[in-house]
């Protein structure tokens, strides 16, 4: 392995070409007040694996690929996209 940061998040948008928006949520306890704080950040990531909305992915830090892209999708951990079941009616 290498020293690059890796984050896990959910794909929120895949409308761009070879780019997905991944929302990374973080929960921590405030150092002074002790209250639980929930934060989230959205990062744009290079997508060569054809991710769908709702997939849980791991993104890895890379060199700047464009003005806003500094992350790349490393692997898809869980498929959570829009899976539509076809049910035969009566």
C-alpha atoms as a PDB file:
ATOM      1  CA  UNK A   1       0.000   0.000   0.000  1.00  0.00           C
ATOM      2  CA  UNK A   2       0.981   3.613  -0.233  1.00  0.00           C
ATOM      3  CA  UNK A   3       0.475   6.746   1.858  1.00  0.00           C
ATOM      4  CA  UNK A   4      -2.530   8.114  -0.047  1.00  0.00           C
ATOM      5  CA  UNK A   5      -5.689   8.961   1.870  1.00  0.00           C
ATOM      6  CA  UNK A   6      -8.640   6.688   1.292  1.00  0.00           C
ATOM      7  CA  UNK A   7     -12.225   7.621   2.109  1.00  0.00           C
ATOM      8  CA  UNK A   8     -15.490   5.703   1.877  1.00  0.00           C
ATOM      9  CA  UNK A   9     -18.667   7.357   0.655  1.00  0.00           C
ATOM     10  CA  UNK A  10     -21.884   7.115  -1.327  1.00  0.00           C
ATOM     11  CA  UNK A  11     -22.197   8.132  -5.003  1.00  0.00           C
ATOM     12  CA  UNK A  12     -24.695  11.013  -5.237  1.00  0.00           C
ATOM     13  CA  UNK A  13     -24.366  11.972  -8.907  1.00  0.00           C
ATOM     14  CA  UNK A  14     -22.961  10.370 -12.054  1.00  0.00           C
ATOM     15  CA  UNK A  15     -24.228  12.813 -14.681  1.00  0.00           C
ATOM     16  CA  UNK A  16     -20.763  13.948 -15.784  1.00  0.00           C
ATOM     17  CA  UNK A  17     -18.503  12.065 -18.155  1.00  0.00           C
ATOM     18  CA  UNK A  18     -16.049   9.859 -16.184  1.00  0.00           C
ATOM     19  CA  UNK A  19     -16.749  11.848 -12.998  1.00  0.00           C
ATOM     20  CA  UNK A  20     -18.902  11.056  -9.975  1.00  0.00           C
ATOM     21  CA  UNK A  21     -19.806  13.094  -6.919  1.00  0.00           C
ATOM     22  CA  UNK A  22     -19.152  11.126  -3.731  1.00  0.00           C
ATOM     23  CA  UNK A  23     -20.515  12.225  -0.347  1.00  0.00           C
ATOM     24  CA  UNK A  24     -18.245  11.275   2.547  1.00  0.00           C
ATOM     25  CA  UNK A  25     -19.835  11.437   6.000  1.00  0.00           C
ATOM     26  CA  UNK A  26     -17.823  11.777   9.200  1.00  0.00           C
ATOM     27  CA  UNK A  27     -18.983  11.561  12.816  1.00  0.00           C
ATOM     28  CA  UNK A  28     -16.794  12.688  15.703  1.00  0.00           C
ATOM     29  CA  UNK A  29     -17.074  14.012  19.224  1.00  0.00           C
ATOM     30  CA  UNK A  30     -16.374  17.728  19.747  1.00  0.00           C
ATOM     31  CA  UNK A  31     -13.101  18.072  21.682  1.00  0.00           C
ATOM     32  CA  UNK A  32     -14.344  20.714  24.149  1.00  0.00           C
ATOM     33  CA  UNK A  33     -18.084  20.228  24.482  1.00  0.00           C
ATOM     34  CA  UNK A  34     -18.296  16.481  23.924  1.00  0.00           C
ATOM     35  CA  UNK A  35     -21.274  16.751  21.582  1.00  0.00           C
ATOM     36  CA  UNK A  36     -21.435  14.351  18.656  1.00  0.00           C
ATOM     37  CA  UNK A  37     -20.923  16.275  15.417  1.00  0.00           C
ATOM     38  CA  UNK A  38     -21.938  14.982  11.979  1.00  0.00           C
ATOM     39  CA  UNK A  39     -20.198  16.485   8.958  1.00  0.00           C
ATOM     40  CA  UNK A  40     -20.195  15.583   5.292  1.00  0.00           C
ATOM     41  CA  UNK A  41     -18.184  16.675   2.314  1.00  0.00           C
ATOM     42  CA  UNK A  42     -18.744  16.123  -1.372  1.00  0.00           C
ATOM     43  CA  UNK A  43     -15.780  15.322  -3.581  1.00  0.00           C
ATOM     44  CA  UNK A  44     -15.564  14.864  -7.329  1.00  0.00           C
ATOM     45  CA  UNK A  45     -13.796  11.655  -8.293  1.00  0.00           C
ATOM     46  CA  UNK A  46     -12.536  10.071 -11.508  1.00  0.00           C
ATOM     47  CA  UNK A  47     -14.794   7.128 -12.371  1.00  0.00           C
ATOM     48  CA  UNK A  48     -13.414   4.360 -14.574  1.00  0.00           C
ATOM     49  CA  UNK A  49     -15.603   1.645 -12.997  1.00  0.00           C
ATOM     50  CA  UNK A  50     -19.022   2.956 -14.165  1.00  0.00           C
ATOM     51  CA  UNK A  51     -20.500   3.669 -10.715  1.00  0.00           C
ATOM     52  CA  UNK A  52     -24.223   4.167 -10.269  1.00  0.00           C
ATOM     53  CA  UNK A  53     -26.083   6.459  -7.869  1.00  0.00           C
ATOM     54  CA  UNK A  54     -26.273   4.861  -4.431  1.00  0.00           C
ATOM     55  CA  UNK A  55     -23.131   2.746  -4.727  1.00  0.00           C
ATOM     56  CA  UNK A  56     -20.775   2.674  -1.759  1.00  0.00           C
ATOM     57  CA  UNK A  57     -17.255   3.329  -3.067  1.00  0.00           C
ATOM     58  CA  UNK A  58     -13.727   3.854  -1.791  1.00  0.00           C
ATOM     59  CA  UNK A  59     -11.965   6.906  -3.234  1.00  0.00           C
ATOM     60  CA  UNK A  60      -8.217   7.479  -3.158  1.00  0.00           C
ATOM     61  CA  UNK A  61      -6.275  10.731  -3.285  1.00  0.00           C
ATOM     62  CA  UNK A  62      -4.563  11.459  -6.639  1.00  0.00           C
ATOM     63  CA  UNK A  63      -2.767  14.235  -8.428  1.00  0.00           C
ATOM     64  CA  UNK A  64      -5.010  17.048  -9.702  1.00  0.00           C
ATOM     65  CA  UNK A  65      -6.942  15.675 -12.683  1.00  0.00           C
ATOM     66  CA  UNK A  66      -8.947  18.836 -13.387  1.00  0.00           C
ATOM     67  CA  UNK A  67      -9.877  22.060 -11.628  1.00  0.00           C
ATOM     68  CA  UNK A  68     -11.958  20.294  -8.967  1.00  0.00           C
ATOM     69  CA  UNK A  69     -11.017  16.599  -9.274  1.00  0.00           C
ATOM     70  CA  UNK A  70      -8.391  15.313  -6.839  1.00  0.00           C
ATOM     71  CA  UNK A  71      -9.838  11.863  -6.092  1.00  0.00           C
ATOM     72  CA  UNK A  72     -10.343   8.626  -8.036  1.00  0.00           C
ATOM     73  CA  UNK A  73     -12.691   5.705  -7.411  1.00  0.00           C
ATOM     74  CA  UNK A  74     -10.544   2.792  -6.250  1.00  0.00           C
ATOM     75  CA  UNK A  75     -13.222   0.138  -5.840  1.00  0.00           C
ATOM     76  CA  UNK A  76     -16.952  -0.361  -5.483  1.00  0.00           C
ATOM     77  CA  UNK A  77     -17.689  -1.788  -2.053  1.00  0.00           C
ATOM     78  CA  UNK A  78     -21.443  -2.295  -2.368  1.00  0.00           C
ATOM     79  CA  UNK A  79     -23.858  -1.868  -5.242  1.00  0.00           C
ATOM     80  CA  UNK A  80     -26.813   0.241  -4.190  1.00  0.00           C
ATOM     81  CA  UNK A  81     -28.013   1.683  -7.455  1.00  0.00           C
ATOM     82  CA  UNK A  82     -31.544   1.776  -8.716  1.00  0.00           C
ATOM     83  CA  UNK A  83     -32.269  -1.926  -9.105  1.00  0.00           C
ATOM     84  CA  UNK A  84     -35.789  -2.356 -10.437  1.00  0.00           C
ATOM     85  CA  UNK A  85     -37.362  -5.774  -9.962  1.00  0.00           C
ATOM     86  CA  UNK A  86     -39.751  -6.925 -12.640  1.00  0.00           C
ATOM     87  CA  UNK A  87     -42.709  -8.618 -11.012  1.00  0.00           C
ATOM     88  CA  UNK A  88     -45.133 -10.531 -13.180  1.00  0.00           C
ATOM     89  CA  UNK A  89     -48.657  -9.453 -12.348  1.00  0.00           C
ATOM     90  CA  UNK A  90     -51.756 -11.580 -12.038  1.00  0.00           C
END
